[in-house]
Protein backbone atom coordinates (compact mmCIF):
# COMPACT_ATOMS: atom_id res chain seq x y z
CA MET A 1 -27.88 11.38 16.79
CA ALA A 2 -26.08 13.96 14.70
CA LEU A 3 -22.35 14.66 15.03
CA ILE A 4 -21.10 17.60 16.90
CA ASP A 5 -19.81 20.05 14.29
CA ASN A 6 -18.78 23.04 16.19
CA GLU A 7 -15.63 23.51 18.20
CA LYS A 8 -17.33 24.98 21.30
CA ASP A 9 -19.50 21.99 21.75
CA ALA A 10 -16.57 19.64 20.93
CA ARG A 11 -14.43 21.31 23.56
CA ARG A 12 -17.16 20.91 26.04
CA LEU A 13 -17.68 17.28 25.30
CA ALA A 14 -14.03 16.56 25.53
CA ARG A 15 -13.77 18.27 29.00
CA ALA A 16 -16.88 16.57 30.24
CA ILE A 17 -15.40 13.17 29.38
CA ALA A 18 -11.98 14.03 30.94
CA SER A 19 -13.97 15.11 34.04
CA ASP A 20 -15.70 11.95 34.32
CA ILE A 21 -12.47 9.99 34.06
CA ALA A 22 -10.96 12.24 36.69
CA LEU A 23 -14.01 11.92 38.99
CA TYR A 24 -14.06 8.13 38.89
CA ASN A 25 -10.35 7.48 38.99
CA GLU A 26 -8.86 9.82 41.46
CA GLU A 27 -6.72 7.33 43.14
CA LYS A 28 -5.35 5.83 39.98
CA ILE A 29 -4.47 9.30 38.51
CA ALA A 30 -2.65 10.06 41.64
CA GLU A 31 -0.75 6.94 41.62
CA GLY A 32 -0.01 7.52 37.88
CA LEU A 33 1.30 11.00 38.55
CA ALA A 34 3.29 10.02 41.50
CA ASN A 35 5.12 7.12 39.48
CA ASP A 36 5.35 8.76 36.22
CA SER A 37 3.00 6.11 34.64
CA LEU A 38 -0.35 7.99 34.37
CA PHE A 39 -1.24 6.75 30.89
CA ASP A 40 -0.26 3.27 31.69
CA VAL A 41 -2.44 3.27 34.90
CA ILE A 42 -5.53 4.77 33.15
CA GLY A 43 -5.01 3.93 29.58
CA GLU A 44 -8.07 1.80 29.33
CA GLU A 45 -10.22 4.55 30.68
CA VAL A 46 -8.61 6.97 28.35
CA GLU A 47 -9.31 4.87 25.37
CA GLU A 48 -12.86 4.28 26.35
CA GLY A 49 -13.18 8.07 26.71
CA ARG A 50 -11.48 8.71 23.38
CA ALA A 51 -13.80 6.20 21.54
CA HIS A 52 -16.92 7.90 23.06
CA TYR A 53 -15.58 11.32 21.95
CA LYS A 54 -14.81 10.13 18.51
CA SER A 55 -18.30 8.61 18.04
CA ARG A 56 -19.87 11.93 18.92
CA VAL A 57 -17.87 14.61 16.99
CA SER A 58 -17.16 15.23 13.44
CA PRO A 59 -13.80 13.67 11.97
CA THR A 60 -12.58 17.23 11.33
CA LEU A 61 -13.16 18.27 15.01
CA PHE A 62 -11.69 14.90 16.22
CA ASP A 63 -8.46 15.70 14.34
CA LYS A 64 -8.10 19.01 16.17
CA ASN A 65 -7.07 17.08 19.50
CA PHE A 66 -9.48 18.76 21.79
CA PHE A 67 -9.77 15.49 23.74
CA ASP A 68 -6.10 15.17 24.37
CA ARG A 69 -5.89 18.75 25.39
CA ALA A 70 -8.85 18.20 27.84
CA LEU A 71 -6.95 15.21 29.37
CA VAL A 72 -3.96 17.45 30.05
CA ASP A 73 -6.04 20.24 31.50
CA VAL A 74 -8.21 18.18 33.61
CA LEU A 75 -6.01 15.17 34.54
CA VAL A 76 -2.65 16.85 34.85
CA ARG A 77 -2.80 20.58 35.59
CA SER A 78 -5.64 20.09 38.05
CA LYS A 79 -3.49 17.61 40.01
CA GLY A 80 -0.45 20.01 40.66
CA HIS A 81 -0.69 19.13 44.45
CA VAL A 82 0.17 15.65 43.81
CA LYS A 83 3.84 14.86 44.55
CA SER A 84 5.28 13.68 41.30
CA VAL A 85 8.71 13.17 39.43
CA LEU A 86 7.10 15.19 36.72
CA TRP A 87 7.45 18.51 38.70
């Protein structure tokens, strides 16, 4: 399988992986946000997603941090309704 080599597709993949993490870990994410321990609580899932993302995109695109931005957009911004010490 060829590596993804354009930004649009790399961003799309990053968001899809982040969405899957959010979908399957809703309770853990809410707990992590509420206790300011999000990446401690879902660290394993994030690293698994990051490894998958890295295996699918070119090194140049991986270095642009699209995956990390997708995590913030999908896991944090979309959970503004969760009571948290962060906001």
